[in-house]
Amino acid sequence: MNSKAIAYLRSLAHTLNPVVRIGNKGLSPSVIKEIDLNLRAHELIKVKIQNNDKSVRESMLTEICETLKATAIHHIGLQIIIYRAASEPKIVLPK
């Protein structure tokens, strides 16, 4: 994915509210399933991670993206933005 597409997705995600919150128990199979369901429905989602350790948040983001074959768009503070194109994409990315 090129930088223009990532910038476009970041701009779309700016108005989104977090659809999934990861609490103290961390990344459980049920949380992964919920993220997967939301990616299928929306393609672009925002997730809030309730953990103050940046390295833990980054490892969670990496694990989510590898498990669900998604793309990490942005990580700022406690929020991460994830994108995965649907079989019939709703979001048209710029070339």
PDB file of N, CA and C in Angstrom:
ATOM      1  N   MET A   1       0.853  -1.173   0.000  1.00  0.00           N
ATOM      2  CA  MET A   1       0.000   0.000   0.000  1.00  0.00           C
ATOM      3  C   MET A   1       0.898   1.235   0.000  1.00  0.00           C
ATOM      4  N   ASN A   2       0.590   2.178  -0.871  1.00  0.00           N
ATOM      5  CA  ASN A   2       1.430   3.372  -0.977  1.00  0.00           C
ATOM      6  C   ASN A   2       1.039   4.445   0.036  1.00  0.00           C
ATOM      7  N   SER A   3       1.865   5.452   0.151  1.00  0.00           N
ATOM      8  CA  SER A   3       1.653   6.493   1.165  1.00  0.00           C
ATOM      9  C   SER A   3       0.398   7.321   0.891  1.00  0.00           C
ATOM     10  N   LYS A   4       0.041   7.485  -0.390  1.00  0.00           N
ATOM     11  CA  LYS A   4      -1.160   8.248  -0.720  1.00  0.00           C
ATOM     12  C   LYS A   4      -2.413   7.518  -0.232  1.00  0.00           C
ATOM     13  N   ALA A   5      -2.448   6.202  -0.395  1.00  0.00           N
ATOM     14  CA  ALA A   5      -3.588   5.410   0.074  1.00  0.00           C
ATOM     15  C   ALA A   5      -3.679   5.431   1.595  1.00  0.00           C
ATOM     16  N   ILE A   6      -2.524   5.331   2.261  1.00  0.00           N
ATOM     17  CA  ILE A   6      -2.507   5.367   3.727  1.00  0.00           C
ATOM     18  C   ILE A   6      -2.991   6.723   4.237  1.00  0.00           C
ATOM     19  N   ALA A   7      -2.541   7.800   3.606  1.00  0.00           N
ATOM     20  CA  ALA A   7      -2.982   9.143   4.004  1.00  0.00           C
ATOM     21  C   ALA A   7      -4.487   9.292   3.797  1.00  0.00           C
ATOM     22  N   TYR A   8      -5.002   8.746   2.709  1.00  0.00           N
ATOM     23  CA  TYR A   8      -6.440   8.806   2.439  1.00  0.00           C
ATOM     24  C   TYR A   8      -7.221   8.049   3.512  1.00  0.00           C
ATOM     25  N   LEU A   9      -6.760   6.844   3.859  1.00  0.00           N
ATOM     26  CA  LEU A   9      -7.439   6.048   4.892  1.00  0.00           C
ATOM     27  C   LEU A   9      -7.367   6.721   6.259  1.00  0.00           C
ATOM     28  N   ARG A  10      -6.238   7.352   6.561  1.00  0.00           N
ATOM     29  CA  ARG A  10      -6.120   8.087   7.835  1.00  0.00           C
ATOM     30  C   ARG A  10      -7.130   9.221   7.888  1.00  0.00           C
ATOM     31  N   SER A  11      -7.331   9.905   6.769  1.00  0.00           N
ATOM     32  CA  SER A  11      -8.297  11.008   6.745  1.00  0.00           C
ATOM     33  C   SER A  11      -9.722  10.486   6.925  1.00  0.00           C
ATOM     34  N   LEU A  12     -10.028   9.328   6.339  1.00  0.00           N
ATOM     35  CA  LEU A  12     -11.355   8.732   6.530  1.00  0.00           C
ATOM     36  C   LEU A  12     -11.572   8.300   7.975  1.00  0.00           C
ATOM     37  N   ALA A  13     -10.521   7.802   8.599  1.00  0.00           N
ATOM     38  CA  ALA A  13     -10.632   7.279   9.965  1.00  0.00           C
ATOM     39  C   ALA A  13     -10.728   8.384  11.012  1.00  0.00           C
ATOM     40  N   HIS A  14     -10.389   9.594  10.637  1.00  0.00           N
ATOM     41  CA  HIS A  14     -10.370  10.699  11.606  1.00  0.00           C
ATOM     42  C   HIS A  14     -11.718  10.857  12.318  1.00  0.00           C
ATOM     43  N   THR A  15     -12.814  10.678  11.601  1.00  0.00           N
ATOM     44  CA  THR A  15     -14.138  10.879  12.197  1.00  0.00           C
ATOM     45  C   THR A  15     -14.712   9.623  12.842  1.00  0.00           C
ATOM     46  N   LEU A  16     -14.033   8.489  12.701  1.00  0.00           N
ATOM     47  CA  LEU A  16     -14.541   7.235  13.259  1.00  0.00           C
ATOM     48  C   LEU A  16     -14.397   7.187  14.777  1.00  0.00           C
ATOM     49  N   ASN A  17     -15.316   6.493  15.409  1.00  0.00           N
ATOM     50  CA  ASN A  17     -15.213   6.186  16.832  1.00  0.00           C
ATOM     51  C   ASN A  17     -14.680   4.763  16.964  1.00  0.00           C
ATOM     52  N   PRO A  18     -13.984   4.458  18.058  1.00  0.00           N
ATOM     53  CA  PRO A  18     -13.506   3.081  18.244  1.00  0.00           C
ATOM     54  C   PRO A  18     -14.675   2.094  18.302  1.00  0.00           C
ATOM     55  N   VAL A  19     -14.581   1.017  17.520  1.00  0.00           N
ATOM     56  CA  VAL A  19     -15.642   0.009  17.509  1.00  0.00           C
ATOM     57  C   VAL A  19     -15.302  -1.165  18.420  1.00  0.00           C
ATOM     58  N   VAL A  20     -14.026  -1.301  18.762  1.00  0.00           N
ATOM     59  CA  VAL A  20     -13.575  -2.364  19.657  1.00  0.00           C
ATOM     60  C   VAL A  20     -12.651  -1.741  20.684  1.00  0.00           C
ATOM     61  N   ARG A  21     -12.793  -2.184  21.928  1.00  0.00           N
ATOM     62  CA  ARG A  21     -11.901  -1.739  23.003  1.00  0.00           C
ATOM     63  C   ARG A  21     -11.225  -2.972  23.597  1.00  0.00           C
ATOM     64  N   ILE A  22      -9.910  -2.888  23.710  1.00  0.00           N
ATOM     65  CA  ILE A  22      -9.149  -3.987  24.293  1.00  0.00           C
ATOM     66  C   ILE A  22      -8.783  -3.581  25.712  1.00  0.00           C
ATOM     67  N   GLY A  23      -9.272  -4.335  26.675  1.00  0.00           N
ATOM     68  CA  GLY A  23      -9.093  -3.995  28.080  1.00  0.00           C
ATOM     69  C   GLY A  23      -7.878  -4.648  28.704  1.00  0.00           C
ATOM     70  N   ASN A  24      -7.948  -4.810  30.020  1.00  0.00           N
ATOM     71  CA  ASN A  24      -6.825  -5.339  30.801  1.00  0.00           C
ATOM     72  C   ASN A  24      -6.487  -6.790  30.478  1.00  0.00           C
ATOM     73  N   LYS A  25      -7.452  -7.556  29.992  1.00  0.00           N
ATOM     74  CA  LYS A  25      -7.207  -8.972  29.698  1.00  0.00           C
ATOM     75  C   LYS A  25      -6.445  -9.156  28.395  1.00  0.00           C
ATOM     76  N   GLY A  26      -6.290  -8.095  27.636  1.00  0.00           N
ATOM     77  CA  GLY A  26      -5.486  -8.154  26.425  1.00  0.00           C
ATOM     78  C   GLY A  26      -6.223  -8.724  25.233  1.00  0.00           C
ATOM     79  N   LEU A  27      -5.440  -9.272  24.331  1.00  0.00           N
ATOM     80  CA  LEU A  27      -5.939  -9.747  23.043  1.00  0.00           C
ATOM     81  C   LEU A  27      -6.380 -11.207  23.156  1.00  0.00           C
ATOM     82  N   SER A  28      -7.662 -11.414  23.384  1.00  0.00           N
ATOM     83  CA  SER A  28      -8.207 -12.765  23.516  1.00  0.00           C
ATOM     84  C   SER A  28      -8.814 -13.186  22.175  1.00  0.00           C
ATOM     85  N   PRO A  29      -9.094 -14.470  22.008  1.00  0.00           N
ATOM     86  CA  PRO A  29      -9.734 -14.926  20.762  1.00  0.00           C
ATOM     87  C   PRO A  29     -11.065 -14.227  20.475  1.00  0.00           C
ATOM     88  N   SER A  30     -11.810 -13.909  21.516  1.00  0.00           N
ATOM     89  CA  SER A  30     -13.091 -13.225  21.306  1.00  0.00           C
ATOM     90  C   SER A  30     -12.884 -11.796  20.798  1.00  0.00           C
ATOM     91  N   VAL A  31     -11.823 -11.140  21.250  1.00  0.00           N
ATOM     92  CA  VAL A  31     -11.509  -9.791  20.767  1.00  0.00           C
ATOM     93  C   VAL A  31     -11.092  -9.851  19.297  1.00  0.00           C
ATOM     94  N   ILE A  32     -10.265 -10.833  18.945  1.00  0.00           N
ATOM     95  CA  ILE A  32      -9.850 -11.024  17.547  1.00  0.00           C
ATOM     96  C   ILE A  32     -11.082 -11.255  16.670  1.00  0.00           C
ATOM     97  N   LYS A  33     -12.013 -12.082  17.155  1.00  0.00           N
ATOM     98  CA  LYS A  33     -13.234 -12.367  16.405  1.00  0.00           C
ATOM     99  C   LYS A  33     -14.054 -11.098  16.198  1.00  0.00           C
ATOM    100  N   GLU A  34     -14.153 -10.275  17.225  1.00  0.00           N
ATOM    101  CA  GLU A  34     -14.912  -9.026  17.135  1.00  0.00           C
ATOM    102  C   GLU A  34     -14.262  -8.058  16.139  1.00  0.00           C
ATOM    103  N   ILE A  35     -12.938  -7.985  16.159  1.00  0.00           N
ATOM    104  CA  ILE A  35     -12.224  -7.129  15.200  1.00  0.00           C
ATOM    105  C   ILE A  35     -12.460  -7.640  13.785  1.00  0.00           C
ATOM    106  N   ASP A  36     -12.420  -8.958  13.601  1.00  0.00           N
ATOM    107  CA  ASP A  36     -12.656  -9.560  12.288  1.00  0.00           C
ATOM    108  C   ASP A  36     -14.060  -9.223  11.783  1.00  0.00           C
ATOM    109  N   LEU A  37     -15.053  -9.354  12.642  1.00  0.00           N
ATOM    110  CA  LEU A  37     -16.436  -9.032  12.256  1.00  0.00           C
ATOM    111  C   LEU A  37     -16.576  -7.575  11.830  1.00  0.00           C
ATOM    112  N   ASN A  38     -15.938  -6.679  12.572  1.00  0.00           N
ATOM    113  CA  ASN A  38     -16.021  -5.260  12.239  1.00  0.00           C
ATOM    114  C   ASN A  38     -15.263  -4.922  10.965  1.00  0.00           C
ATOM    115  N   LEU A  39     -14.136  -5.591  10.719  1.00  0.00           N
ATOM    116  CA  LEU A  39     -13.414  -5.376   9.465  1.00  0.00           C
ATOM    117  C   LEU A  39     -14.244  -5.851   8.273  1.00  0.00           C
ATOM    118  N   ARG A  40     -14.955  -6.958   8.439  1.00  0.00           N
ATOM    119  CA  ARG A  40     -15.827  -7.432   7.357  1.00  0.00           C
ATOM    120  C   ARG A  40     -16.935  -6.428   7.071  1.00  0.00           C
ATOM    121  N   ALA A  41     -17.462  -5.821   8.110  1.00  0.00           N
ATOM    122  CA  ALA A  41     -18.576  -4.894   7.955  1.00  0.00           C
ATOM    123  C   ALA A  41     -18.132  -3.515   7.456  1.00  0.00           C
ATOM    124  N   HIS A  42     -16.974  -3.042   7.909  1.00  0.00           N
ATOM    125  CA  HIS A  42     -16.595  -1.652   7.652  1.00  0.00           C
ATOM    126  C   HIS A  42     -15.313  -1.461   6.844  1.00  0.00           C
ATOM    127  N   GLU A  43     -14.461  -2.435   6.759  1.00  0.00           N
ATOM    128  CA  GLU A  43     -13.150  -2.379   6.102  1.00  0.00           C
ATOM    129  C   GLU A  43     -12.123  -1.537   6.869  1.00  0.00           C
ATOM    130  N   LEU A  44     -12.524  -0.402   7.386  1.00  0.00           N
ATOM    131  CA  LEU A  44     -11.627   0.500   8.107  1.00  0.00           C
ATOM    132  C   LEU A  44     -12.195   0.719   9.500  1.00  0.00           C
ATOM    133  N   ILE A  45     -11.412   0.370  10.523  1.00  0.00           N
ATOM    134  CA  ILE A  45     -11.919   0.501  11.894  1.00  0.00           C
ATOM    135  C   ILE A  45     -10.858   1.143  12.794  1.00  0.00           C
ATOM    136  N   LYS A  46     -11.362   1.665  13.889  1.00  0.00           N
ATOM    137  CA  LYS A  46     -10.502   2.229  14.929  1.00  0.00           C
ATOM    138  C   LYS A  46     -10.685   1.369  16.177  1.00  0.00           C
ATOM    139  N   VAL A  47      -9.571   1.017  16.814  1.00  0.00           N
ATOM    140  CA  VAL A  47      -9.580   0.180  18.012  1.00  0.00           C
ATOM    141  C   VAL A  47      -8.869   0.937  19.127  1.00  0.00           C
ATOM    142  N   LYS A  48      -9.441   0.905  20.315  1.00  0.00           N
ATOM    143  CA  LYS A  48      -8.816   1.548  21.466  1.00  0.00           C
ATOM    144  C   LYS A  48      -8.230   0.480  22.372  1.00  0.00           C
ATOM    145  N   ILE A  49      -6.960   0.640  22.717  1.00  0.00           N
ATOM    146  CA  ILE A  49      -6.265  -0.309  23.579  1.00  0.00           C
ATOM    147  C   ILE A  49      -6.003   0.362  24.922  1.00  0.00           C
ATOM    148  N   GLN A  50      -6.555  -0.212  25.982  1.00  0.00           N
ATOM    149  CA  GLN A  50      -6.404   0.342  27.327  1.00  0.00           C
ATOM    150  C   GLN A  50      -5.121  -0.177  27.959  1.00  0.00           C
ATOM    151  N   ASN A  51      -3.989   0.239  27.437  1.00  0.00           N
ATOM    152  CA  ASN A  51      -2.703  -0.168  27.986  1.00  0.00           C
ATOM    153  C   ASN A  51      -1.732   0.984  27.776  1.00  0.00           C
ATOM    154  N   ASN A  52      -1.055   1.396  28.824  1.00  0.00           N
ATOM    155  CA  ASN A  52      -0.155   2.552  28.728  1.00  0.00           C
ATOM    156  C   ASN A  52       1.209   2.232  28.145  1.00  0.00           C
ATOM    157  N   ASP A  53       1.523   0.959  27.952  1.00  0.00           N
ATOM    158  CA  ASP A  53       2.824   0.555  27.430  1.00  0.00           C
ATOM    159  C   ASP A  53       2.786   0.517  25.896  1.00  0.00           C
ATOM    160  N   LYS A  54       3.534   1.416  25.265  1.00  0.00           N
ATOM    161  CA  LYS A  54       3.522   1.537  23.815  1.00  0.00           C
ATOM    162  C   LYS A  54       3.981   0.255  23.130  1.00  0.00           C
ATOM    163  N   SER A  55       4.985  -0.419  23.677  1.00  0.00           N
ATOM    164  CA  SER A  55       5.483  -1.647  23.047  1.00  0.00           C
ATOM    165  C   SER A  55       4.417  -2.741  23.070  1.00  0.00           C
ATOM    166  N   VAL A  56       3.602  -2.796  24.109  1.00  0.00           N
ATOM    167  CA  VAL A  56       2.514  -3.776  24.188  1.00  0.00           C
ATOM    168  C   VAL A  56       1.468  -3.456  23.119  1.00  0.00           C
ATOM    169  N   ARG A  57       1.139  -2.180  22.971  1.00  0.00           N
ATOM    170  CA  ARG A  57       0.162  -1.775  21.952  1.00  0.00           C
ATOM    171  C   ARG A  57       0.673  -2.103  20.551  1.00  0.00           C
ATOM    172  N   GLU A  58       1.958  -1.853  20.308  1.00  0.00           N
ATOM    173  CA  GLU A  58       2.531  -2.152  18.995  1.00  0.00           C
ATOM    174  C   GLU A  58       2.536  -3.653  18.715  1.00  0.00           C
ATOM    175  N   SER A  59       2.835  -4.456  19.730  1.00  0.00           N
ATOM    176  CA  SER A  59       2.822  -5.907  19.527  1.00  0.00           C
ATOM    177  C   SER A  59       1.397  -6.408  19.282  1.00  0.00           C
ATOM    178  N   MET A  60       0.403  -5.815  19.952  1.00  0.00           N
ATOM    179  CA  MET A  60      -0.993  -6.178  19.706  1.00  0.00           C
ATOM    180  C   MET A  60      -1.390  -5.825  18.270  1.00  0.00           C
ATOM    181  N   LEU A  61      -0.992  -4.656  17.818  1.00  0.00           N
ATOM    182  CA  LEU A  61      -1.300  -4.226  16.456  1.00  0.00           C
ATOM    183  C   LEU A  61      -0.692  -5.190  15.435  1.00  0.00           C
ATOM    184  N   THR A  62       0.557  -5.572  15.659  1.00  0.00           N
ATOM    185  CA  THR A  62       1.228  -6.509  14.766  1.00  0.00           C
ATOM    186  C   THR A  62       0.519  -7.856  14.764  1.00  0.00           C
ATOM    187  N   GLU A  63       0.153  -8.340  15.936  1.00  0.00           N
ATOM    188  CA  GLU A  63      -0.528  -9.631  16.041  1.00  0.00           C
ATOM    189  C   GLU A  63      -1.889  -9.598  15.355  1.00  0.00           C
ATOM    190  N   ILE A  64      -2.635  -8.515  15.542  1.00  0.00           N
ATOM    191  CA  ILE A  64      -3.945  -8.378  14.897  1.00  0.00           C
ATOM    192  C   ILE A  64      -3.787  -8.413  13.377  1.00  0.00           C
ATOM    193  N   CYS A  65      -2.846  -7.642  12.870  1.00  0.00           N
ATOM    194  CA  CYS A  65      -2.658  -7.555  11.422  1.00  0.00           C
ATOM    195  C   CYS A  65      -2.193  -8.880  10.818  1.00  0.00           C
ATOM    196  N   GLU A  66      -1.314  -9.571  11.511  1.00  0.00           N
ATOM    197  CA  GLU A  66      -0.848 -10.871  11.001  1.00  0.00           C
ATOM    198  C   GLU A  66      -1.952 -11.917  11.060  1.00  0.00           C
ATOM    199  N   THR A  67      -2.705 -11.939  12.140  1.00  0.00           N
ATOM    200  CA  THR A  67      -3.763 -12.932  12.310  1.00  0.00           C
ATOM    201  C   THR A  67      -4.895 -12.726  11.311  1.00  0.00           C
ATOM    202  N   LEU A  68      -5.280 -11.464  11.094  1.00  0.00           N
ATOM    203  CA  LEU A  68      -6.442 -11.168  10.254  1.00  0.00           C
ATOM    204  C   LEU A  68      -6.076 -10.732   8.840  1.00  0.00           C
ATOM    205  N   LYS A  69      -4.786 -10.759   8.512  1.00  0.00           N
ATOM    206  CA  LYS A  69      -4.309 -10.334   7.187  1.00  0.00           C
ATOM    207  C   LYS A  69      -4.809  -8.931   6.854  1.00  0.00           C
ATOM    208  N   ALA A  70      -4.621  -8.042   7.804  1.00  0.00           N
ATOM    209  CA  ALA A  70      -5.045  -6.654   7.665  1.00  0.00           C
ATOM    210  C   ALA A  70      -3.815  -5.750   7.567  1.00  0.00           C
ATOM    211  N   THR A  71      -4.049  -4.474   7.337  1.00  0.00           N
ATOM    212  CA  THR A  71      -2.970  -3.496   7.223  1.00  0.00           C
ATOM    213  C   THR A  71      -3.091  -2.479   8.342  1.00  0.00           C
ATOM    214  N   ALA A  72      -1.987  -2.244   9.028  1.00  0.00           N
ATOM    215  CA  ALA A  72      -1.953  -1.206  10.062  1.00  0.00           C
ATOM    216  C   ALA A  72      -1.843   0.139   9.365  1.00  0.00           C
ATOM    217  N   ILE A  73      -2.785   1.030   9.616  1.00  0.00           N
ATOM    218  CA  ILE A  73      -2.791   2.343   8.981  1.00  0.00           C
ATOM    219  C   ILE A  73      -2.139   3.375   9.878  1.00  0.00           C
ATOM    220  N   HIS A  74      -2.472   3.340  11.177  1.00  0.00           N
ATOM    221  CA  HIS A  74      -1.943   4.362  12.075  1.00  0.00           C
ATOM    222  C   HIS A  74      -2.010   3.879  13.516  1.00  0.00           C
ATOM    223  N   HIS A  75      -1.097   4.374  14.318  1.00  0.00           N
ATOM    224  CA  HIS A  75      -1.083   4.085  15.755  1.00  0.00           C
ATOM    225  C   HIS A  75      -0.708   5.386  16.446  1.00  0.00           C
ATOM    226  N   ILE A  76      -1.665   5.956  17.143  1.00  0.00           N
ATOM    227  CA  ILE A  76      -1.397   7.185  17.878  1.00  0.00           C
ATOM    228  C   ILE A  76      -2.062   7.085  19.243  1.00  0.00           C
ATOM    229  N   GLY A  77      -1.291   7.290  20.266  1.00  0.00           N
ATOM    230  CA  GLY A  77      -1.821   7.186  21.618  1.00  0.00           C
ATOM    231  C   GLY A  77      -2.357   5.800  21.884  1.00  0.00           C
ATOM    232  N   LEU A  78      -3.575   5.738  22.393  1.00  0.00           N
ATOM    233  CA  LEU A  78      -4.194   4.460  22.725  1.00  0.00           C
ATOM    234  C   LEU A  78      -5.010   3.894  21.570  1.00  0.00           C
ATOM    235  N   GLN A  79      -5.028   4.580  20.428  1.00  0.00           N
ATOM    236  CA  GLN A  79      -5.863   4.151  19.320  1.00  0.00           C
ATOM    237  C   GLN A  79      -5.045   3.649  18.143  1.00  0.00           C
ATOM    238  N   ILE A  80      -5.579   2.606  17.509  1.00  0.00           N
ATOM    239  CA  ILE A  80      -4.964   2.077  16.296  1.00  0.00           C
ATOM    240  C   ILE A  80      -6.029   2.047  15.206  1.00  0.00           C
ATOM    241  N   ILE A  81      -5.582   2.188  13.972  1.00  0.00           N
ATOM    242  CA  ILE A  81      -6.481   2.155  12.822  1.00  0.00           C
ATOM    243  C   ILE A  81      -6.037   0.997  11.940  1.00  0.00           C
ATOM    244  N   ILE A  82      -7.012   0.161  11.575  1.00  0.00           N
ATOM    245  CA  ILE A  82      -6.734  -1.051  10.807  1.00  0.00           C
ATOM    246  C   ILE A  82      -7.625  -1.070   9.571  1.00  0.00           C
ATOM    247  N   TYR A  83      -7.050  -1.535   8.463  1.00  0.00           N
ATOM    248  CA  TYR A  83      -7.792  -1.635   7.206  1.00  0.00           C
ATOM    249  C   TYR A  83      -7.621  -3.029   6.610  1.00  0.00           C
ATOM    250  N   ARG A  84      -8.711  -3.549   6.081  1.00  0.00           N
ATOM    251  CA  ARG A  84      -8.663  -4.788   5.302  1.00  0.00           C
ATOM    252  C   ARG A  84      -9.743  -4.685   4.231  1.00  0.00           C
ATOM    253  N   ALA A  85      -9.326  -4.780   2.973  1.00  0.00           N
ATOM    254  CA  ALA A  85     -10.267  -4.676   1.862  1.00  0.00           C
ATOM    255  C   ALA A  85     -11.216  -5.867   1.866  1.00  0.00           C
ATOM    256  N   ALA A  86     -12.466  -5.589   1.592  1.00  0.00           N
ATOM    257  CA  ALA A  86     -13.473  -6.649   1.492  1.00  0.00           C
ATOM    258  C   ALA A  86     -13.418  -7.252   0.097  1.00  0.00           C
ATOM    259  N   SER A  87     -14.101  -8.381  -0.091  1.00  0.00           N
ATOM    260  CA  SER A  87     -14.144  -9.000  -1.413  1.00  0.00           C
ATOM    261  C   SER A  87     -14.805  -8.063  -2.426  1.00  0.00           C
ATOM    262  N   GLU A  88     -15.780  -7.291  -1.962  1.00  0.00           N
ATOM    263  CA  GLU A  88     -16.390  -6.221  -2.757  1.00  0.00           C
ATOM    264  C   GLU A  88     -16.119  -4.911  -2.010  1.00  0.00           C
ATOM    265  N   PRO A  89     -14.985  -4.253  -2.306  1.00  0.00           N
ATOM    266  CA  PRO A  89     -14.570  -3.070  -1.538  1.00  0.00           C
ATOM    267  C   PRO A  89     -15.596  -1.931  -1.540  1.00  0.00           C
ATOM    268  N   LYS A  90     -15.792  -1.351  -0.374  1.00  0.00           N
ATOM    269  CA  LYS A  90     -16.650  -0.171  -0.216  1.00  0.00           C
ATOM    270  C   LYS A  90     -15.814   1.097  -0.337  1.00  0.00           C
ATOM    271  N   ILE A  91     -14.559   0.989   0.067  1.00  0.00           N
ATOM    272  CA  ILE A  91     -13.647   2.137   0.038  1.00  0.00           C
ATOM    273  C   ILE A  91     -12.779   2.024  -1.214  1.00  0.00           C
ATOM    274  N   VAL A  92     -12.817   3.056  -2.037  1.00  0.00           N
ATOM    275  CA  VAL A  92     -12.005   3.083  -3.253  1.00  0.00           C
ATOM    276  C   VAL A  92     -10.726   3.849  -2.929  1.00  0.00           C
ATOM    277  N   LEU A  93      -9.603   3.158  -3.007  1.00  0.00           N
ATOM    278  CA  LEU A  93      -8.312   3.779  -2.676  1.00  0.00           C
ATOM    279  C   LEU A  93      -7.758   4.551  -3.877  1.00  0.00           C
ATOM    280  N   PRO A  94      -7.137   5.707  -3.623  1.00  0.00           N
ATOM    281  CA  PRO A  94      -6.501   6.455  -4.724  1.00  0.00           C
ATOM    282  C   PRO A  94      -5.273   5.709  -5.225  1.00  0.00           C
ATOM    283  N   LYS A  95      -4.973   5.902  -6.488  1.00  0.00           N
ATOM    284  CA  LYS A  95      -3.808   5.227  -7.091  1.00  0.00           C
ATOM    285  C   LYS A  95      -2.544   6.026  -6.878  1.00  0.00           C
TER     286      LYS A  95
END
